[in-house]
């Protein structure tokens, strides 16, 4: 199998990304996959209001609030098999930091693609002069937490029982990577 190519996300890629994200979120807490988004399993789809964050953020300059940049992992057939994005923190006084979000398609998990996506995003953030990359991950998502730790993220905090999803208690772990 040829390793997927990692390419920058463009406005033209957004329709395909949104289809991919809807499919990806279908795995949220199902079929042995940990809950990875704080949303009920039956309502795990990419919300319309979050799409605007990508549309607007990709066109926003890095020195302005609301910027977002992303990368897609594309397989030999041109299908999206992973994604990662960095976005501005909402606080203007935290412009030296950004937030990370990512996911890997079920057929590509455990093959090193997540680490490659992280390497790409971290290298880009460093080249832009950012000092920190932050993320939030559900406490029970141990595969993701291990991946982030292997990539140099450290746990900076945790809020237990932050979410009540499908009758279950879920905490949030905060992790950061110094560049």
N, C-alpha and C. Protein backbone atom coordinates (compact mmCIF):
# COMPACT_ATOMS: atom_id res chain seq x y z
N UNK A 1 0.83 -1.18 0.00
CA UNK A 1 0.00 0.00 0.00
C UNK A 1 0.88 1.24 0.00
N UNK A 2 0.58 2.17 -0.87
CA UNK A 2 1.30 3.44 -0.95
C UNK A 2 0.83 4.34 0.18
N UNK A 3 1.76 4.95 0.86
CA UNK A 3 1.41 5.86 1.96
C UNK A 3 0.62 7.04 1.41
N UNK A 4 -0.43 7.45 2.10
CA UNK A 4 -1.20 8.61 1.63
C UNK A 4 -0.34 9.86 1.56
N UNK A 5 -0.66 10.70 0.58
CA UNK A 5 0.01 12.00 0.45
C UNK A 5 -0.68 12.98 1.39
N UNK A 6 0.08 13.89 1.96
CA UNK A 6 -0.49 14.94 2.80
C UNK A 6 -0.37 16.25 2.05
N UNK A 7 -1.54 16.88 1.83
CA UNK A 7 -1.60 18.11 1.03
C UNK A 7 -2.30 19.21 1.83
N UNK A 8 -1.96 20.47 1.54
CA UNK A 8 -2.66 21.57 2.21
C UNK A 8 -4.15 21.58 1.82
N UNK A 9 -4.98 21.93 2.77
CA UNK A 9 -6.42 22.07 2.56
C UNK A 9 -6.70 23.39 1.86
N UNK A 10 -7.52 23.34 0.82
CA UNK A 10 -7.93 24.55 0.10
C UNK A 10 -9.45 24.68 0.15
N UNK A 11 -9.93 25.84 -0.23
CA UNK A 11 -11.38 26.07 -0.29
C UNK A 11 -12.05 25.04 -1.20
N UNK A 12 -11.39 24.66 -2.29
CA UNK A 12 -11.96 23.70 -3.23
C UNK A 12 -12.14 22.32 -2.61
N UNK A 13 -11.36 22.01 -1.58
CA UNK A 13 -11.44 20.71 -0.91
C UNK A 13 -12.57 20.62 0.10
N UNK A 14 -13.16 21.75 0.46
CA UNK A 14 -14.11 21.76 1.57
C UNK A 14 -15.34 20.87 1.36
N UNK A 15 -15.98 20.86 0.18
CA UNK A 15 -17.13 19.96 0.04
C UNK A 15 -16.77 18.50 0.31
N UNK A 16 -15.65 18.03 -0.20
CA UNK A 16 -15.22 16.65 0.03
C UNK A 16 -14.85 16.45 1.50
N UNK A 17 -14.23 17.46 2.13
CA UNK A 17 -13.88 17.36 3.55
C UNK A 17 -15.14 17.21 4.40
N UNK A 18 -16.19 17.96 4.09
CA UNK A 18 -17.41 17.89 4.89
C UNK A 18 -18.09 16.52 4.74
N UNK A 19 -18.05 15.94 3.56
CA UNK A 19 -18.59 14.58 3.37
C UNK A 19 -17.76 13.60 4.20
N UNK A 20 -16.44 13.72 4.12
CA UNK A 20 -15.53 12.87 4.90
C UNK A 20 -15.81 13.01 6.39
N UNK A 21 -15.96 14.25 6.88
CA UNK A 21 -16.17 14.47 8.31
C UNK A 21 -17.49 13.86 8.78
N UNK A 22 -18.53 13.96 7.97
CA UNK A 22 -19.80 13.31 8.33
C UNK A 22 -19.61 11.81 8.48
N UNK A 23 -18.88 11.20 7.54
CA UNK A 23 -18.61 9.75 7.62
C UNK A 23 -17.74 9.45 8.84
N UNK A 24 -16.70 10.24 9.03
CA UNK A 24 -15.77 10.04 10.14
C UNK A 24 -16.51 10.10 11.48
N UNK A 25 -17.39 11.07 11.64
CA UNK A 25 -18.11 11.22 12.90
C UNK A 25 -19.11 10.09 13.12
N UNK A 26 -19.45 9.35 12.08
CA UNK A 26 -20.28 8.17 12.25
C UNK A 26 -19.61 7.11 13.10
N UNK A 27 -18.29 7.17 13.25
CA UNK A 27 -17.53 6.23 14.09
C UNK A 27 -17.48 6.67 15.55
N UNK A 28 -17.96 7.86 15.85
CA UNK A 28 -17.84 8.44 17.18
C UNK A 28 -18.51 7.55 18.24
N UNK A 29 -17.67 6.82 18.98
CA UNK A 29 -18.17 5.96 20.05
C UNK A 29 -18.85 4.69 19.57
N UNK A 30 -18.58 4.30 18.35
CA UNK A 30 -19.24 3.11 17.79
C UNK A 30 -18.21 2.08 17.32
N UNK A 31 -18.64 0.83 17.31
CA UNK A 31 -17.85 -0.28 16.76
C UNK A 31 -16.43 -0.34 17.33
N UNK A 32 -16.30 -0.16 18.63
CA UNK A 32 -15.01 -0.26 19.29
C UNK A 32 -14.16 1.00 19.24
N UNK A 33 -14.64 2.04 18.57
CA UNK A 33 -13.93 3.31 18.51
C UNK A 33 -14.34 4.15 19.72
N UNK A 34 -13.38 4.71 20.46
CA UNK A 34 -13.76 5.55 21.60
C UNK A 34 -14.57 6.76 21.13
N UNK A 35 -15.37 7.29 22.02
CA UNK A 35 -16.03 8.56 21.76
C UNK A 35 -14.91 9.59 21.58
N UNK A 36 -14.90 10.29 20.45
CA UNK A 36 -13.83 11.26 20.22
C UNK A 36 -14.33 12.67 20.03
N UNK A 37 -15.63 12.85 19.97
CA UNK A 37 -16.22 14.19 19.94
C UNK A 37 -17.30 14.25 21.00
N UNK A 38 -17.43 15.37 21.70
CA UNK A 38 -18.43 15.46 22.77
C UNK A 38 -19.83 15.69 22.23
N UNK A 39 -20.35 14.65 21.57
CA UNK A 39 -21.70 14.72 21.02
C UNK A 39 -22.34 13.34 21.10
N UNK A 40 -23.65 13.29 21.25
CA UNK A 40 -24.32 11.98 21.31
C UNK A 40 -24.04 11.16 20.05
N UNK A 41 -23.95 9.87 20.22
CA UNK A 41 -23.65 8.99 19.09
C UNK A 41 -24.67 9.16 17.97
N UNK A 42 -25.95 9.28 18.32
CA UNK A 42 -27.00 9.39 17.30
C UNK A 42 -26.98 10.72 16.56
N UNK A 43 -26.30 11.71 17.11
CA UNK A 43 -26.22 13.03 16.49
C UNK A 43 -24.79 13.35 16.08
N UNK A 44 -24.00 12.34 15.75
CA UNK A 44 -22.60 12.55 15.38
C UNK A 44 -22.49 12.79 13.88
N UNK A 45 -22.58 14.06 13.54
CA UNK A 45 -22.36 14.52 12.17
C UNK A 45 -21.74 15.90 12.26
N UNK A 46 -21.16 16.36 11.16
CA UNK A 46 -20.47 17.64 11.19
C UNK A 46 -21.49 18.77 11.07
N UNK A 47 -21.66 19.56 12.13
CA UNK A 47 -22.70 20.59 12.14
C UNK A 47 -22.47 21.68 11.10
N UNK A 48 -23.57 22.16 10.55
CA UNK A 48 -23.50 23.20 9.52
C UNK A 48 -22.77 24.43 10.03
N UNK A 49 -23.03 24.82 11.28
CA UNK A 49 -22.39 26.03 11.81
C UNK A 49 -20.88 25.89 11.93
N UNK A 50 -20.37 24.68 12.08
CA UNK A 50 -18.92 24.48 12.15
C UNK A 50 -18.28 24.56 10.76
N UNK A 51 -19.05 24.31 9.74
CA UNK A 51 -18.52 24.41 8.37
C UNK A 51 -18.05 25.83 8.07
N UNK A 52 -18.79 26.80 8.59
CA UNK A 52 -18.44 28.19 8.36
C UNK A 52 -17.06 28.51 8.92
N UNK A 53 -16.67 27.87 10.02
CA UNK A 53 -15.34 28.09 10.59
C UNK A 53 -14.23 27.74 9.61
N UNK A 54 -14.45 26.67 8.85
CA UNK A 54 -13.46 26.30 7.82
C UNK A 54 -13.51 27.28 6.66
N UNK A 55 -14.70 27.57 6.17
CA UNK A 55 -14.85 28.45 5.01
C UNK A 55 -14.22 29.81 5.28
N UNK A 56 -14.58 30.41 6.40
CA UNK A 56 -14.06 31.74 6.73
C UNK A 56 -12.59 31.69 7.16
N UNK A 57 -12.25 30.68 7.97
CA UNK A 57 -10.90 30.60 8.52
C UNK A 57 -9.81 30.40 7.49
N UNK A 58 -10.10 29.61 6.44
CA UNK A 58 -9.07 29.39 5.42
C UNK A 58 -8.73 30.67 4.67
N UNK A 59 -9.68 31.60 4.62
CA UNK A 59 -9.44 32.86 3.92
C UNK A 59 -8.96 33.99 4.82
N UNK A 60 -8.73 33.70 6.08
CA UNK A 60 -8.35 34.73 7.04
C UNK A 60 -6.83 34.73 7.22
N UNK A 61 -6.25 35.92 7.23
CA UNK A 61 -4.80 36.06 7.41
C UNK A 61 -4.40 35.56 8.80
N UNK A 62 -3.18 35.06 8.90
CA UNK A 62 -2.69 34.50 10.16
C UNK A 62 -2.60 35.51 11.30
N UNK A 63 -2.53 36.76 10.98
CA UNK A 63 -2.45 37.76 12.04
C UNK A 63 -3.82 38.29 12.44
N UNK A 64 -4.88 37.66 11.95
CA UNK A 64 -6.24 38.08 12.26
C UNK A 64 -6.97 36.99 13.04
N UNK A 65 -7.91 37.38 13.88
CA UNK A 65 -8.69 36.38 14.62
C UNK A 65 -9.47 35.48 13.65
N UNK A 66 -9.61 34.22 14.03
CA UNK A 66 -10.44 33.31 13.24
C UNK A 66 -9.73 32.55 12.14
N UNK A 67 -8.40 32.71 12.00
CA UNK A 67 -7.71 31.97 10.94
C UNK A 67 -7.76 30.47 11.20
N UNK A 68 -7.65 29.71 10.13
CA UNK A 68 -7.60 28.25 10.21
C UNK A 68 -6.79 27.76 9.01
N UNK A 69 -5.97 26.74 9.24
CA UNK A 69 -5.22 26.09 8.18
C UNK A 69 -5.34 24.59 8.40
N UNK A 70 -5.30 23.83 7.30
CA UNK A 70 -5.47 22.40 7.44
C UNK A 70 -4.74 21.62 6.37
N UNK A 71 -4.69 20.32 6.57
CA UNK A 71 -4.05 19.40 5.65
C UNK A 71 -4.92 18.15 5.54
N UNK A 72 -4.88 17.55 4.37
CA UNK A 72 -5.61 16.32 4.12
C UNK A 72 -4.63 15.22 3.77
N UNK A 73 -4.93 14.02 4.24
CA UNK A 73 -4.20 12.83 3.78
C UNK A 73 -5.06 12.23 2.68
N UNK A 74 -4.46 12.03 1.53
CA UNK A 74 -5.18 11.55 0.35
C UNK A 74 -4.57 10.23 -0.10
N UNK A 75 -5.44 9.21 -0.30
CA UNK A 75 -4.91 7.91 -0.72
C UNK A 75 -4.70 7.88 -2.24
N UNK A 76 -4.22 6.78 -2.76
CA UNK A 76 -3.88 6.66 -4.18
C UNK A 76 -5.09 6.85 -5.08
N UNK A 77 -6.30 6.64 -4.55
CA UNK A 77 -7.52 6.84 -5.34
C UNK A 77 -8.08 8.24 -5.22
N UNK A 78 -7.41 9.09 -4.46
CA UNK A 78 -7.87 10.47 -4.29
C UNK A 78 -8.86 10.66 -3.16
N UNK A 79 -9.09 9.63 -2.35
CA UNK A 79 -10.04 9.74 -1.24
C UNK A 79 -9.34 10.29 -0.01
N UNK A 80 -10.08 11.06 0.78
CA UNK A 80 -9.55 11.59 2.03
C UNK A 80 -9.49 10.46 3.04
N UNK A 81 -8.33 10.27 3.66
CA UNK A 81 -8.18 9.22 4.66
C UNK A 81 -7.68 9.77 5.99
N UNK A 82 -7.58 11.09 6.11
CA UNK A 82 -7.21 11.73 7.35
C UNK A 82 -7.19 13.24 7.18
N UNK A 83 -7.28 13.93 8.28
CA UNK A 83 -7.25 15.40 8.23
C UNK A 83 -6.65 15.93 9.53
N UNK A 84 -6.16 17.16 9.45
CA UNK A 84 -5.69 17.87 10.62
C UNK A 84 -5.86 19.35 10.35
N UNK A 85 -6.23 20.09 11.38
CA UNK A 85 -6.32 21.54 11.20
C UNK A 85 -5.83 22.24 12.44
N UNK A 86 -5.33 23.44 12.22
CA UNK A 86 -4.91 24.35 13.28
C UNK A 86 -5.76 25.59 13.13
N UNK A 87 -6.16 26.17 14.25
CA UNK A 87 -6.98 27.36 14.20
C UNK A 87 -6.57 28.31 15.31
N UNK A 88 -6.86 29.58 15.08
CA UNK A 88 -6.53 30.60 16.06
C UNK A 88 -7.31 30.36 17.35
N UNK A 89 -6.68 30.62 18.45
CA UNK A 89 -7.41 30.63 19.73
C UNK A 89 -8.32 31.85 19.71
N UNK A 90 -9.44 31.79 20.40
CA UNK A 90 -10.37 32.93 20.36
C UNK A 90 -9.87 34.16 21.11
N UNK A 91 -8.93 33.97 22.02
CA UNK A 91 -8.43 35.10 22.80
C UNK A 91 -7.34 35.83 22.02
N UNK A 92 -7.51 37.13 21.78
CA UNK A 92 -6.52 37.89 21.00
C UNK A 92 -5.15 37.89 21.67
N UNK A 93 -5.10 37.82 22.98
CA UNK A 93 -3.82 37.85 23.70
C UNK A 93 -3.13 36.49 23.68
N UNK A 94 -3.72 35.51 23.01
CA UNK A 94 -3.12 34.18 22.88
C UNK A 94 -2.75 33.89 21.43
N UNK A 95 -2.41 34.93 20.69
CA UNK A 95 -2.09 34.77 19.26
C UNK A 95 -0.82 33.95 19.04
N UNK A 96 -0.04 33.71 20.08
CA UNK A 96 1.18 32.90 19.97
C UNK A 96 0.86 31.40 20.07
N UNK A 97 -0.42 31.07 20.25
CA UNK A 97 -0.86 29.68 20.41
C UNK A 97 -1.93 29.40 19.36
N UNK A 98 -2.18 28.10 19.13
CA UNK A 98 -3.28 27.71 18.26
C UNK A 98 -3.88 26.41 18.78
N UNK A 99 -5.05 26.07 18.27
CA UNK A 99 -5.77 24.85 18.65
C UNK A 99 -5.70 23.84 17.51
N UNK A 100 -5.60 22.59 17.86
CA UNK A 100 -5.48 21.50 16.89
C UNK A 100 -6.71 20.61 16.92
N UNK A 101 -7.13 20.18 15.74
CA UNK A 101 -8.16 19.15 15.61
C UNK A 101 -7.72 18.19 14.52
N UNK A 102 -8.06 16.90 14.66
CA UNK A 102 -7.62 15.95 13.64
C UNK A 102 -8.44 14.68 13.71
N UNK A 103 -8.30 13.85 12.70
CA UNK A 103 -8.92 12.54 12.68
C UNK A 103 -8.33 11.70 11.56
N UNK A 104 -8.44 10.39 11.72
CA UNK A 104 -7.95 9.45 10.72
C UNK A 104 -9.07 8.48 10.39
N UNK A 105 -9.28 8.24 9.11
CA UNK A 105 -10.32 7.31 8.66
C UNK A 105 -10.09 5.92 9.26
N UNK A 106 -11.18 5.24 9.56
CA UNK A 106 -11.13 3.92 10.22
C UNK A 106 -10.19 2.94 9.52
N UNK A 107 -10.09 2.98 8.21
CA UNK A 107 -9.25 2.03 7.48
C UNK A 107 -7.75 2.34 7.56
N UNK A 108 -7.40 3.51 8.10
CA UNK A 108 -6.00 3.93 8.14
C UNK A 108 -5.46 4.10 9.56
N UNK A 109 -6.29 3.82 10.56
CA UNK A 109 -5.84 3.98 11.94
C UNK A 109 -4.78 2.93 12.28
N UNK A 110 -3.85 3.30 13.13
CA UNK A 110 -2.82 2.38 13.59
C UNK A 110 -1.70 2.14 12.59
N UNK A 111 -1.60 2.99 11.56
CA UNK A 111 -0.59 2.81 10.52
C UNK A 111 0.41 3.96 10.46
N UNK A 112 0.36 4.86 11.44
CA UNK A 112 1.31 5.97 11.47
C UNK A 112 0.84 7.23 10.79
N UNK A 113 -0.36 7.21 10.21
CA UNK A 113 -0.84 8.40 9.50
C UNK A 113 -1.10 9.56 10.46
N UNK A 114 -1.63 9.28 11.63
CA UNK A 114 -1.86 10.34 12.61
C UNK A 114 -0.57 11.05 12.99
N UNK A 115 0.49 10.30 13.19
CA UNK A 115 1.79 10.89 13.52
C UNK A 115 2.31 11.75 12.36
N UNK A 116 2.11 11.28 11.13
CA UNK A 116 2.55 12.07 9.97
C UNK A 116 1.76 13.38 9.87
N UNK A 117 0.46 13.31 10.11
CA UNK A 117 -0.35 14.53 10.09
C UNK A 117 0.10 15.50 11.17
N UNK A 118 0.35 14.98 12.37
CA UNK A 118 0.84 15.84 13.46
C UNK A 118 2.18 16.47 13.12
N UNK A 119 3.10 15.69 12.58
CA UNK A 119 4.40 16.23 12.19
C UNK A 119 4.24 17.38 11.20
N UNK A 120 3.34 17.22 10.24
CA UNK A 120 3.10 18.26 9.22
C UNK A 120 2.59 19.54 9.87
N UNK A 121 1.58 19.41 10.71
CA UNK A 121 0.98 20.59 11.34
C UNK A 121 1.95 21.27 12.30
N UNK A 122 2.68 20.49 13.08
CA UNK A 122 3.62 21.07 14.04
C UNK A 122 4.76 21.80 13.33
N UNK A 123 5.24 21.22 12.25
CA UNK A 123 6.31 21.88 11.48
C UNK A 123 5.82 23.20 10.90
N UNK A 124 4.60 23.20 10.38
CA UNK A 124 4.02 24.43 9.83
C UNK A 124 3.88 25.48 10.93
N UNK A 125 3.32 25.10 12.08
CA UNK A 125 3.12 26.04 13.19
C UNK A 125 4.46 26.65 13.63
N UNK A 126 5.48 25.82 13.71
CA UNK A 126 6.81 26.29 14.10
C UNK A 126 7.34 27.28 13.07
N UNK A 127 7.17 26.97 11.79
CA UNK A 127 7.65 27.86 10.72
C UNK A 127 6.92 29.20 10.73
N UNK A 128 5.70 29.23 11.25
CA UNK A 128 4.94 30.48 11.31
C UNK A 128 5.28 31.31 12.54
N UNK A 129 6.13 30.76 13.42
CA UNK A 129 6.51 31.47 14.62
C UNK A 129 5.56 31.29 15.80
N UNK A 130 4.65 30.34 15.69
CA UNK A 130 3.78 30.06 16.84
C UNK A 130 4.62 29.41 17.94
N UNK A 131 4.23 29.60 19.18
CA UNK A 131 5.01 29.07 20.30
C UNK A 131 4.40 27.80 20.87
N UNK A 132 3.08 27.63 20.75
CA UNK A 132 2.38 26.50 21.36
C UNK A 132 1.27 26.00 20.44
N UNK A 133 1.04 24.70 20.50
CA UNK A 133 -0.14 24.08 19.88
C UNK A 133 -0.88 23.38 21.01
N UNK A 134 -2.16 23.70 21.16
CA UNK A 134 -3.00 23.15 22.22
C UNK A 134 -4.07 22.25 21.62
N UNK A 135 -4.57 21.34 22.44
CA UNK A 135 -5.68 20.50 22.00
C UNK A 135 -6.49 20.06 23.21
N UNK A 136 -7.71 19.64 22.91
CA UNK A 136 -8.61 19.07 23.91
C UNK A 136 -9.02 17.70 23.41
N UNK A 137 -9.00 16.71 24.30
CA UNK A 137 -9.34 15.35 23.91
C UNK A 137 -10.16 14.73 25.03
N UNK A 138 -11.18 13.96 24.65
CA UNK A 138 -11.98 13.28 25.65
C UNK A 138 -11.09 12.33 26.45
N UNK A 139 -11.29 12.29 27.76
CA UNK A 139 -10.45 11.51 28.66
C UNK A 139 -10.38 10.04 28.28
N UNK A 140 -11.49 9.48 27.80
CA UNK A 140 -11.54 8.05 27.49
C UNK A 140 -10.87 7.70 26.17
N UNK A 141 -10.46 8.68 25.39
CA UNK A 141 -9.87 8.42 24.07
C UNK A 141 -8.37 8.15 24.24
N UNK A 142 -8.08 6.99 24.81
CA UNK A 142 -6.68 6.65 25.10
C UNK A 142 -5.81 6.51 23.86
N UNK A 143 -6.30 5.96 22.73
CA UNK A 143 -5.43 5.91 21.55
C UNK A 143 -4.97 7.30 21.11
N UNK A 144 -5.86 8.27 21.12
CA UNK A 144 -5.49 9.63 20.73
C UNK A 144 -4.54 10.24 21.74
N UNK A 145 -4.80 10.05 23.01
CA UNK A 145 -3.92 10.62 24.03
C UNK A 145 -2.51 10.04 23.92
N UNK A 146 -2.40 8.75 23.64
CA UNK A 146 -1.07 8.14 23.47
C UNK A 146 -0.37 8.70 22.24
N UNK A 147 -1.10 8.88 21.15
CA UNK A 147 -0.52 9.46 19.94
C UNK A 147 0.02 10.86 20.23
N UNK A 148 -0.79 11.68 20.89
CA UNK A 148 -0.36 13.04 21.19
C UNK A 148 0.88 13.04 22.09
N UNK A 149 0.89 12.17 23.08
CA UNK A 149 2.05 12.10 23.98
C UNK A 149 3.31 11.68 23.22
N UNK A 150 3.18 10.70 22.32
CA UNK A 150 4.35 10.28 21.51
C UNK A 150 4.85 11.41 20.63
N UNK A 151 3.96 12.33 20.26
CA UNK A 151 4.34 13.46 19.40
C UNK A 151 4.82 14.66 20.19
N UNK A 152 4.96 14.52 21.52
CA UNK A 152 5.53 15.59 22.33
C UNK A 152 4.53 16.45 23.08
N UNK A 153 3.25 16.13 23.03
CA UNK A 153 2.26 16.88 23.79
C UNK A 153 2.32 16.43 25.25
N UNK A 154 2.13 17.39 26.14
CA UNK A 154 2.05 17.06 27.56
C UNK A 154 0.66 17.45 28.08
N UNK A 155 0.18 16.68 29.03
CA UNK A 155 -1.11 16.99 29.62
C UNK A 155 -0.95 18.20 30.53
N UNK A 156 -1.81 19.19 30.33
CA UNK A 156 -1.74 20.42 31.12
C UNK A 156 -2.92 20.57 32.06
N UNK A 157 -3.92 19.71 31.92
CA UNK A 157 -5.06 19.79 32.80
C UNK A 157 -6.13 18.80 32.42
N UNK A 158 -7.14 18.69 33.28
CA UNK A 158 -8.26 17.80 33.00
C UNK A 158 -9.48 18.30 33.77
N UNK A 159 -10.62 18.24 33.12
CA UNK A 159 -11.89 18.52 33.78
C UNK A 159 -12.68 17.23 33.77
N UNK A 160 -12.82 16.58 34.93
CA UNK A 160 -13.61 15.35 34.96
C UNK A 160 -15.10 15.66 34.84
N UNK A 161 -15.85 14.71 34.27
CA UNK A 161 -17.31 14.81 34.20
C UNK A 161 -17.77 16.13 33.56
N UNK A 162 -17.06 16.60 32.55
CA UNK A 162 -17.46 17.83 31.86
C UNK A 162 -18.70 17.61 31.01
N UNK A 163 -18.80 16.43 30.42
CA UNK A 163 -19.90 16.12 29.51
C UNK A 163 -20.71 14.95 30.03
N UNK A 164 -21.99 14.97 29.76
CA UNK A 164 -22.88 13.83 29.98
C UNK A 164 -23.42 13.47 28.59
N UNK A 165 -22.93 12.36 28.08
CA UNK A 165 -23.27 11.96 26.71
C UNK A 165 -23.83 10.55 26.75
N UNK A 166 -25.02 10.41 26.23
CA UNK A 166 -25.67 9.09 26.18
C UNK A 166 -25.65 8.40 27.55
N UNK A 167 -25.89 9.17 28.61
CA UNK A 167 -25.93 8.61 29.95
C UNK A 167 -24.58 8.33 30.58
N UNK A 168 -23.50 8.74 29.93
CA UNK A 168 -22.14 8.48 30.42
C UNK A 168 -21.46 9.80 30.80
N UNK A 169 -20.57 9.74 31.78
CA UNK A 169 -19.77 10.89 32.17
C UNK A 169 -18.46 10.87 31.38
N UNK A 170 -18.10 12.03 30.85
CA UNK A 170 -16.85 12.14 30.09
C UNK A 170 -16.11 13.40 30.52
N UNK A 171 -14.81 13.25 30.73
CA UNK A 171 -13.96 14.39 31.05
C UNK A 171 -13.22 14.87 29.80
N UNK A 172 -12.59 16.02 29.95
CA UNK A 172 -11.78 16.59 28.88
C UNK A 172 -10.35 16.71 29.40
N UNK A 173 -9.39 16.27 28.61
CA UNK A 173 -7.98 16.43 28.91
C UNK A 173 -7.42 17.51 27.99
N UNK A 174 -6.65 18.41 28.57
CA UNK A 174 -6.00 19.47 27.82
C UNK A 174 -4.54 19.11 27.67
N UNK A 175 -4.04 19.25 26.45
CA UNK A 175 -2.65 18.92 26.17
C UNK A 175 -2.04 20.05 25.34
N UNK A 176 -0.74 20.25 25.49
CA UNK A 176 -0.04 21.32 24.77
C UNK A 176 1.32 20.83 24.31
N UNK A 177 1.77 21.42 23.22
CA UNK A 177 3.09 21.12 22.64
C UNK A 177 3.83 22.44 22.47
N UNK A 178 4.98 22.56 23.11
CA UNK A 178 5.82 23.74 22.96
C UNK A 178 6.66 23.60 21.70
N UNK A 179 6.69 24.63 20.90
CA UNK A 179 7.47 24.60 19.65
C UNK A 179 8.83 25.26 19.84
